[in-house]
Amino acid sequence: ITPGEKVLKLNKSIYGLKQSGHLWNKTLVEFITSLGFKQSVIDPGVFTVTRYGRKMILGVFVDDIPIFYAAKNDLEWILRNIGSRFKFKNLGPLHHCLGLEITTNPNGEFGLSQTRYIQRLREKYAPNTRKVRTPMATAFD
């Protein structure tokens, strides 16, 4: 730096810088844990909390946060809290996440499938192969 030049200190991260992802994660983790969520030791992108005897789970993948909850007021509570700190868009019920198809029924049961992912792999790497039924059971008791 030559005499007369000015240096500015950046107090906030700017999108696209190397450290932006780290600072976003740090900010988000601090916020989520301030709400009483505990970060998983095994998977640091998973957070759990028990409120009124009901467990809630948040899964953080960059800036997507699937929310698993038992009661609608739990969902409203977390959305209200997230909205008080961050601008976000609620995309509604989860249908796809990290290559998984997610289905739910009115009883709260859910299913996971990778059918679409497997079909895309087949189309890309083996387009002229024929379908064969799986030799194993497709349901569990």
N, C-alpha and C. Protein backbone atom coordinates (compact mmCIF):
# COMPACT_ATOMS: atom_id res chain seq x y z
N ILE A 1 0.86 -1.17 0.00
CA ILE A 1 0.00 0.00 0.00
C ILE A 1 0.90 1.23 0.00
N THR A 2 0.62 2.10 -0.88
CA THR A 2 1.42 3.33 -0.95
C THR A 2 0.74 4.42 -0.13
N PRO A 3 1.51 5.39 0.32
CA PRO A 3 0.93 6.47 1.12
C PRO A 3 -0.23 7.13 0.38
N GLY A 4 -1.29 7.41 1.11
CA GLY A 4 -2.46 8.05 0.54
C GLY A 4 -3.54 7.09 0.10
N GLU A 5 -3.21 5.79 -0.04
CA GLU A 5 -4.23 4.80 -0.41
C GLU A 5 -5.04 4.43 0.82
N LYS A 6 -6.28 4.06 0.60
CA LYS A 6 -7.15 3.68 1.71
C LYS A 6 -7.39 2.17 1.68
N VAL A 7 -7.56 1.61 2.85
CA VAL A 7 -7.89 0.19 3.00
C VAL A 7 -9.22 0.11 3.72
N LEU A 8 -10.11 -0.71 3.22
CA LEU A 8 -11.41 -0.88 3.85
C LEU A 8 -11.50 -2.26 4.48
N LYS A 9 -12.09 -2.32 5.65
CA LYS A 9 -12.31 -3.59 6.32
C LYS A 9 -13.73 -4.06 6.00
N LEU A 10 -13.87 -5.30 5.53
CA LEU A 10 -15.18 -5.88 5.21
C LEU A 10 -15.74 -6.53 6.47
N ASN A 11 -16.86 -6.02 6.95
CA ASN A 11 -17.46 -6.53 8.19
C ASN A 11 -18.44 -7.66 7.96
N LYS A 12 -18.94 -7.82 6.76
CA LYS A 12 -19.88 -8.89 6.43
C LYS A 12 -19.35 -9.64 5.23
N SER A 13 -19.69 -10.92 5.16
CA SER A 13 -19.24 -11.69 4.00
C SER A 13 -20.09 -11.31 2.79
N ILE A 14 -19.50 -11.44 1.64
CA ILE A 14 -20.20 -11.15 0.39
C ILE A 14 -20.38 -12.46 -0.35
N TYR A 15 -21.59 -12.66 -0.89
CA TYR A 15 -21.89 -13.88 -1.62
C TYR A 15 -20.83 -14.11 -2.69
N GLY A 16 -20.30 -15.33 -2.75
CA GLY A 16 -19.33 -15.68 -3.77
C GLY A 16 -17.90 -15.73 -3.28
N LEU A 17 -17.62 -15.15 -2.11
CA LEU A 17 -16.27 -15.24 -1.57
C LEU A 17 -16.04 -16.62 -0.98
N LYS A 18 -14.77 -17.02 -0.88
CA LYS A 18 -14.44 -18.35 -0.36
C LYS A 18 -15.05 -18.61 1.01
N GLN A 19 -15.01 -17.61 1.87
CA GLN A 19 -15.48 -17.81 3.24
C GLN A 19 -16.98 -17.61 3.41
N SER A 20 -17.69 -17.25 2.35
CA SER A 20 -19.13 -16.98 2.47
C SER A 20 -19.91 -18.19 2.97
N GLY A 21 -19.62 -19.37 2.43
CA GLY A 21 -20.32 -20.59 2.85
C GLY A 21 -20.07 -20.90 4.31
N HIS A 22 -18.83 -20.74 4.73
CA HIS A 22 -18.49 -21.00 6.14
C HIS A 22 -19.23 -20.02 7.06
N LEU A 23 -19.25 -18.74 6.69
CA LEU A 23 -19.93 -17.75 7.53
C LEU A 23 -21.44 -17.96 7.55
N TRP A 24 -22.01 -18.38 6.41
CA TRP A 24 -23.45 -18.67 6.37
C TRP A 24 -23.75 -19.84 7.31
N ASN A 25 -22.94 -20.89 7.23
CA ASN A 25 -23.17 -22.06 8.08
C ASN A 25 -23.03 -21.69 9.55
N LYS A 26 -22.01 -20.94 9.87
CA LYS A 26 -21.79 -20.52 11.27
C LYS A 26 -22.98 -19.71 11.78
N THR A 27 -23.45 -18.75 10.98
CA THR A 27 -24.59 -17.91 11.36
C THR A 27 -25.85 -18.76 11.56
N LEU A 28 -26.10 -19.69 10.62
CA LEU A 28 -27.29 -20.53 10.70
C LEU A 28 -27.24 -21.47 11.90
N VAL A 29 -26.08 -22.10 12.14
CA VAL A 29 -25.94 -23.01 13.28
C VAL A 29 -26.15 -22.26 14.59
N GLU A 30 -25.57 -21.07 14.72
CA GLU A 30 -25.75 -20.28 15.94
C GLU A 30 -27.23 -19.95 16.15
N PHE A 31 -27.92 -19.60 15.09
CA PHE A 31 -29.34 -19.27 15.20
C PHE A 31 -30.17 -20.49 15.59
N ILE A 32 -29.97 -21.60 14.89
CA ILE A 32 -30.76 -22.81 15.16
C ILE A 32 -30.53 -23.31 16.58
N THR A 33 -29.29 -23.30 17.03
CA THR A 33 -29.01 -23.77 18.40
C THR A 33 -29.56 -22.78 19.44
N SER A 34 -29.67 -21.50 19.08
CA SER A 34 -30.26 -20.53 20.02
C SER A 34 -31.74 -20.81 20.27
N LEU A 35 -32.38 -21.55 19.34
CA LEU A 35 -33.79 -21.92 19.51
C LEU A 35 -33.95 -23.19 20.34
N GLY A 36 -32.84 -23.78 20.77
CA GLY A 36 -32.89 -24.98 21.59
C GLY A 36 -32.60 -26.26 20.85
N PHE A 37 -32.33 -26.19 19.56
CA PHE A 37 -32.00 -27.38 18.78
C PHE A 37 -30.60 -27.85 19.14
N LYS A 38 -30.42 -29.15 19.11
CA LYS A 38 -29.10 -29.76 19.34
C LYS A 38 -28.57 -30.26 18.01
N GLN A 39 -27.30 -29.95 17.74
CA GLN A 39 -26.67 -30.38 16.50
C GLN A 39 -26.17 -31.81 16.65
N SER A 40 -26.45 -32.65 15.67
CA SER A 40 -26.03 -34.03 15.69
C SER A 40 -24.50 -34.12 15.62
N VAL A 41 -23.93 -35.00 16.42
CA VAL A 41 -22.49 -35.23 16.38
C VAL A 41 -22.13 -36.04 15.14
N ILE A 42 -23.00 -36.96 14.77
CA ILE A 42 -22.75 -37.84 13.62
C ILE A 42 -22.92 -37.10 12.30
N ASP A 43 -23.95 -36.27 12.19
CA ASP A 43 -24.19 -35.49 10.97
C ASP A 43 -24.46 -34.05 11.38
N PRO A 44 -23.48 -33.17 11.22
CA PRO A 44 -23.64 -31.79 11.68
C PRO A 44 -24.70 -30.98 10.93
N GLY A 45 -25.29 -31.56 9.89
CA GLY A 45 -26.37 -30.89 9.17
C GLY A 45 -27.74 -31.26 9.70
N VAL A 46 -27.80 -32.03 10.78
CA VAL A 46 -29.07 -32.47 11.36
C VAL A 46 -29.20 -31.87 12.76
N PHE A 47 -30.36 -31.27 13.03
CA PHE A 47 -30.64 -30.64 14.31
C PHE A 47 -31.96 -31.18 14.85
N THR A 48 -32.02 -31.43 16.15
CA THR A 48 -33.24 -31.94 16.77
C THR A 48 -33.59 -31.13 18.02
N VAL A 49 -34.87 -31.07 18.29
CA VAL A 49 -35.37 -30.45 19.52
C VAL A 49 -36.66 -31.16 19.88
N THR A 50 -36.95 -31.23 21.17
CA THR A 50 -38.23 -31.77 21.64
C THR A 50 -38.98 -30.64 22.31
N ARG A 51 -40.17 -30.35 21.79
CA ARG A 51 -41.04 -29.31 22.34
C ARG A 51 -42.37 -29.96 22.69
N TYR A 52 -42.81 -29.78 23.92
CA TYR A 52 -44.08 -30.33 24.38
C TYR A 52 -44.18 -31.82 24.10
N GLY A 53 -43.07 -32.52 24.26
CA GLY A 53 -43.05 -33.97 24.07
C GLY A 53 -43.01 -34.42 22.62
N ARG A 54 -42.91 -33.46 21.69
CA ARG A 54 -42.87 -33.80 20.26
C ARG A 54 -41.51 -33.43 19.70
N LYS A 55 -40.95 -34.34 18.92
CA LYS A 55 -39.63 -34.11 18.33
C LYS A 55 -39.75 -33.40 16.99
N MET A 56 -38.85 -32.46 16.76
CA MET A 56 -38.72 -31.78 15.47
C MET A 56 -37.30 -32.02 14.97
N ILE A 57 -37.18 -32.18 13.67
CA ILE A 57 -35.86 -32.39 13.06
C ILE A 57 -35.70 -31.41 11.91
N LEU A 58 -34.56 -30.74 11.87
CA LEU A 58 -34.19 -29.88 10.75
C LEU A 58 -33.00 -30.52 10.05
N GLY A 59 -33.05 -30.58 8.75
CA GLY A 59 -31.91 -31.04 7.97
C GLY A 59 -31.39 -29.88 7.16
N VAL A 60 -30.14 -29.50 7.35
CA VAL A 60 -29.58 -28.36 6.65
C VAL A 60 -28.67 -28.85 5.53
N PHE A 61 -28.99 -28.45 4.31
CA PHE A 61 -28.15 -28.76 3.16
C PHE A 61 -27.95 -27.45 2.40
N VAL A 62 -26.84 -26.78 2.67
CA VAL A 62 -26.50 -25.46 2.14
C VAL A 62 -27.57 -24.47 2.58
N ASP A 63 -28.52 -24.13 1.69
CA ASP A 63 -29.57 -23.19 2.09
C ASP A 63 -30.97 -23.80 1.99
N ASP A 64 -31.03 -25.12 1.91
CA ASP A 64 -32.31 -25.83 1.97
C ASP A 64 -32.45 -26.44 3.35
N ILE A 65 -33.62 -26.30 3.95
CA ILE A 65 -33.83 -26.81 5.30
C ILE A 65 -35.14 -27.59 5.36
N PRO A 66 -35.11 -28.89 5.07
CA PRO A 66 -36.32 -29.69 5.27
C PRO A 66 -36.65 -29.73 6.77
N ILE A 67 -37.93 -29.61 7.08
CA ILE A 67 -38.39 -29.60 8.47
C ILE A 67 -39.32 -30.78 8.68
N PHE A 68 -39.01 -31.60 9.67
CA PHE A 68 -39.84 -32.75 10.02
C PHE A 68 -40.46 -32.46 11.38
N TYR A 69 -41.77 -32.55 11.46
CA TYR A 69 -42.48 -32.14 12.67
C TYR A 69 -43.69 -33.03 12.89
N ALA A 70 -44.21 -33.01 14.14
CA ALA A 70 -45.35 -33.85 14.49
C ALA A 70 -46.67 -33.08 14.50
N ALA A 71 -46.62 -31.79 14.79
CA ALA A 71 -47.86 -31.00 14.88
C ALA A 71 -47.69 -29.70 14.10
N LYS A 72 -48.78 -29.24 13.50
CA LYS A 72 -48.74 -28.04 12.67
C LYS A 72 -48.23 -26.82 13.43
N ASN A 73 -48.57 -26.71 14.72
CA ASN A 73 -48.08 -25.54 15.46
C ASN A 73 -46.57 -25.58 15.67
N ASP A 74 -45.96 -26.77 15.61
CA ASP A 74 -44.49 -26.86 15.65
C ASP A 74 -43.91 -26.24 14.38
N LEU A 75 -44.51 -26.56 13.24
CA LEU A 75 -44.07 -25.98 11.97
C LEU A 75 -44.24 -24.47 12.00
N GLU A 76 -45.39 -23.99 12.46
CA GLU A 76 -45.63 -22.55 12.53
C GLU A 76 -44.61 -21.86 13.43
N TRP A 77 -44.26 -22.50 14.55
CA TRP A 77 -43.27 -21.94 15.48
C TRP A 77 -41.91 -21.79 14.81
N ILE A 78 -41.44 -22.82 14.13
CA ILE A 78 -40.11 -22.74 13.52
C ILE A 78 -40.11 -21.76 12.34
N LEU A 79 -41.18 -21.74 11.54
CA LEU A 79 -41.24 -20.81 10.42
C LEU A 79 -41.27 -19.36 10.91
N ARG A 80 -42.01 -19.12 11.98
CA ARG A 80 -42.07 -17.77 12.56
C ARG A 80 -40.69 -17.34 13.06
N ASN A 81 -39.98 -18.26 13.72
CA ASN A 81 -38.65 -17.93 14.23
C ASN A 81 -37.65 -17.71 13.11
N ILE A 82 -37.66 -18.57 12.11
CA ILE A 82 -36.74 -18.40 10.98
C ILE A 82 -37.04 -17.07 10.27
N GLY A 83 -38.32 -16.76 10.09
CA GLY A 83 -38.73 -15.52 9.44
C GLY A 83 -38.34 -14.28 10.21
N SER A 84 -38.20 -14.39 11.53
CA SER A 84 -37.80 -13.23 12.33
C SER A 84 -36.32 -12.89 12.13
N ARG A 85 -35.56 -13.83 11.61
CA ARG A 85 -34.11 -13.61 11.44
C ARG A 85 -33.65 -13.60 9.98
N PHE A 86 -34.30 -14.40 9.12
CA PHE A 86 -33.87 -14.53 7.74
C PHE A 86 -35.05 -14.35 6.79
N LYS A 87 -34.75 -13.86 5.61
CA LYS A 87 -35.76 -13.83 4.55
C LYS A 87 -35.73 -15.21 3.90
N PHE A 88 -36.90 -15.86 3.77
CA PHE A 88 -36.92 -17.21 3.21
C PHE A 88 -38.21 -17.43 2.44
N LYS A 89 -38.24 -18.52 1.71
CA LYS A 89 -39.43 -18.90 0.95
C LYS A 89 -39.82 -20.31 1.37
N ASN A 90 -41.05 -20.48 1.83
CA ASN A 90 -41.57 -21.80 2.20
C ASN A 90 -42.04 -22.49 0.92
N LEU A 91 -41.38 -23.57 0.55
CA LEU A 91 -41.72 -24.29 -0.68
C LEU A 91 -42.76 -25.37 -0.46
N GLY A 92 -43.33 -25.45 0.75
CA GLY A 92 -44.39 -26.41 1.02
C GLY A 92 -43.85 -27.80 1.33
N PRO A 93 -44.72 -28.80 1.20
CA PRO A 93 -44.31 -30.17 1.53
C PRO A 93 -43.13 -30.63 0.69
N LEU A 94 -42.28 -31.42 1.31
CA LEU A 94 -41.07 -31.94 0.67
C LEU A 94 -41.44 -33.11 -0.24
N HIS A 95 -41.02 -33.03 -1.50
CA HIS A 95 -41.28 -34.10 -2.45
C HIS A 95 -39.98 -34.75 -2.95
N HIS A 96 -38.92 -33.94 -3.05
CA HIS A 96 -37.62 -34.44 -3.50
C HIS A 96 -36.52 -33.80 -2.66
N CYS A 97 -35.52 -34.58 -2.30
CA CYS A 97 -34.39 -34.05 -1.54
C CYS A 97 -33.19 -34.96 -1.75
N LEU A 98 -32.10 -34.40 -2.25
CA LEU A 98 -30.84 -35.14 -2.42
C LEU A 98 -31.03 -36.45 -3.18
N GLY A 99 -31.80 -36.44 -4.23
CA GLY A 99 -32.01 -37.63 -5.05
C GLY A 99 -33.07 -38.58 -4.55
N LEU A 100 -33.70 -38.25 -3.43
CA LEU A 100 -34.76 -39.10 -2.89
C LEU A 100 -36.13 -38.53 -3.23
N GLU A 101 -37.06 -39.40 -3.56
CA GLU A 101 -38.46 -39.01 -3.70
C GLU A 101 -39.12 -39.31 -2.37
N ILE A 102 -39.89 -38.35 -1.87
CA ILE A 102 -40.52 -38.49 -0.56
C ILE A 102 -42.03 -38.42 -0.73
N THR A 103 -42.73 -39.44 -0.23
CA THR A 103 -44.18 -39.47 -0.27
C THR A 103 -44.71 -39.55 1.16
N THR A 104 -45.86 -38.95 1.38
CA THR A 104 -46.49 -39.03 2.70
C THR A 104 -47.96 -39.39 2.54
N ASN A 105 -48.53 -39.91 3.62
CA ASN A 105 -49.97 -40.19 3.61
C ASN A 105 -50.61 -39.43 4.77
N PRO A 106 -51.93 -39.37 4.84
CA PRO A 106 -52.61 -38.61 5.90
C PRO A 106 -52.28 -39.08 7.31
N ASN A 107 -51.82 -40.31 7.48
CA ASN A 107 -51.48 -40.82 8.81
C ASN A 107 -50.12 -40.32 9.29
N GLY A 108 -49.40 -39.58 8.44
CA GLY A 108 -48.08 -39.09 8.83
C GLY A 108 -46.95 -40.02 8.47
N GLU A 109 -47.29 -41.16 7.88
CA GLU A 109 -46.25 -42.09 7.46
C GLU A 109 -45.63 -41.57 6.16
N PHE A 110 -44.36 -41.85 5.98
CA PHE A 110 -43.72 -41.39 4.75
C PHE A 110 -42.90 -42.51 4.13
N GLY A 111 -42.66 -42.36 2.84
CA GLY A 111 -41.87 -43.34 2.10
C GLY A 111 -40.75 -42.65 1.35
N LEU A 112 -39.66 -43.37 1.16
CA LEU A 112 -38.51 -42.86 0.43
C LEU A 112 -38.26 -43.77 -0.76
N SER A 113 -37.93 -43.17 -1.89
CA SER A 113 -37.68 -43.94 -3.10
C SER A 113 -36.62 -43.24 -3.94
N GLN A 114 -35.86 -44.01 -4.70
CA GLN A 114 -34.89 -43.45 -5.63
C GLN A 114 -35.21 -43.87 -7.06
N THR A 115 -36.46 -44.17 -7.34
CA THR A 115 -36.87 -44.65 -8.65
C THR A 115 -36.46 -43.68 -9.76
N ARG A 116 -36.78 -42.42 -9.64
CA ARG A 116 -36.47 -41.44 -10.68
C ARG A 116 -34.96 -41.34 -10.90
N TYR A 117 -34.20 -41.32 -9.81
CA TYR A 117 -32.73 -41.25 -9.91
C TYR A 117 -32.18 -42.46 -10.65
N ILE A 118 -32.66 -43.64 -10.30
CA ILE A 118 -32.20 -44.88 -10.95
C ILE A 118 -32.59 -44.88 -12.43
N GLN A 119 -33.79 -44.41 -12.74
CA GLN A 119 -34.21 -44.34 -14.15
C GLN A 119 -33.31 -43.40 -14.95
N ARG A 120 -32.95 -42.26 -14.37
CA ARG A 120 -32.06 -41.32 -15.07
C ARG A 120 -30.69 -41.95 -15.29
N LEU A 121 -30.17 -42.67 -14.28
CA LEU A 121 -28.89 -43.35 -14.45
C LEU A 121 -28.96 -44.39 -15.56
N ARG A 122 -30.04 -45.14 -15.59
CA ARG A 122 -30.23 -46.16 -16.61
C ARG A 122 -30.29 -45.53 -18.01
N GLU A 123 -31.05 -44.44 -18.14
CA GLU A 123 -31.16 -43.76 -19.43
C GLU A 123 -29.81 -43.20 -19.88
N LYS A 124 -29.02 -42.72 -18.94
CA LYS A 124 -27.73 -42.12 -19.29
C LYS A 124 -26.67 -43.16 -19.62
N TYR A 125 -26.58 -44.22 -18.81
CA TYR A 125 -25.47 -45.17 -18.95
C TYR A 125 -25.83 -46.47 -19.65
N ALA A 126 -27.10 -46.83 -19.68
CA ALA A 126 -27.50 -48.10 -20.31
C ALA A 126 -28.86 -47.94 -20.98
N PRO A 127 -28.96 -47.06 -21.98
CA PRO A 127 -30.26 -46.75 -22.57
C PRO A 127 -30.92 -47.90 -23.32
N ASN A 128 -30.16 -48.89 -23.76
CA ASN A 128 -30.74 -49.97 -24.57
C ASN A 128 -30.97 -51.25 -23.77
N THR A 129 -30.94 -51.15 -22.46
CA THR A 129 -31.18 -52.34 -21.63
C THR A 129 -32.66 -52.50 -21.38
N ARG A 130 -33.06 -53.71 -21.04
CA ARG A 130 -34.47 -53.96 -20.76
C ARG A 130 -34.68 -54.01 -19.24
N LYS A 131 -35.89 -53.71 -18.84
CA LYS A 131 -36.23 -53.73 -17.42
C LYS A 131 -36.39 -55.17 -16.95
N VAL A 132 -35.94 -55.43 -15.72
CA VAL A 132 -36.08 -56.75 -15.10
C VAL A 132 -36.63 -56.53 -13.70
N ARG A 133 -37.59 -57.36 -13.31
CA ARG A 133 -38.16 -57.24 -11.97
C ARG A 133 -37.11 -57.64 -10.93
N THR A 134 -37.17 -56.99 -9.81
CA THR A 134 -36.20 -57.27 -8.76
C THR A 134 -36.47 -58.64 -8.13
N PRO A 135 -35.44 -59.39 -7.82
CA PRO A 135 -35.65 -60.73 -7.23
C PRO A 135 -35.92 -60.70 -5.73
N MET A 136 -35.91 -59.52 -5.12
CA MET A 136 -36.13 -59.47 -3.68
C MET A 136 -37.50 -58.89 -3.37
N ALA A 137 -37.92 -59.06 -2.13
CA ALA A 137 -39.20 -58.53 -1.68
C ALA A 137 -39.19 -57.02 -1.78
N THR A 138 -40.31 -56.42 -2.17
CA THR A 138 -40.38 -54.97 -2.31
C THR A 138 -41.09 -54.30 -1.14
N ALA A 139 -41.49 -55.06 -0.14
CA ALA A 139 -42.15 -54.50 1.04
C ALA A 139 -41.63 -55.20 2.28
N PHE A 140 -41.71 -54.51 3.38
CA PHE A 140 -41.28 -55.06 4.65
C PHE A 140 -42.44 -55.10 5.61
N ASP A 141 -42.44 -56.09 6.48
CA ASP A 141 -43.51 -56.20 7.48
C ASP A 141 -43.17 -55.40 8.71
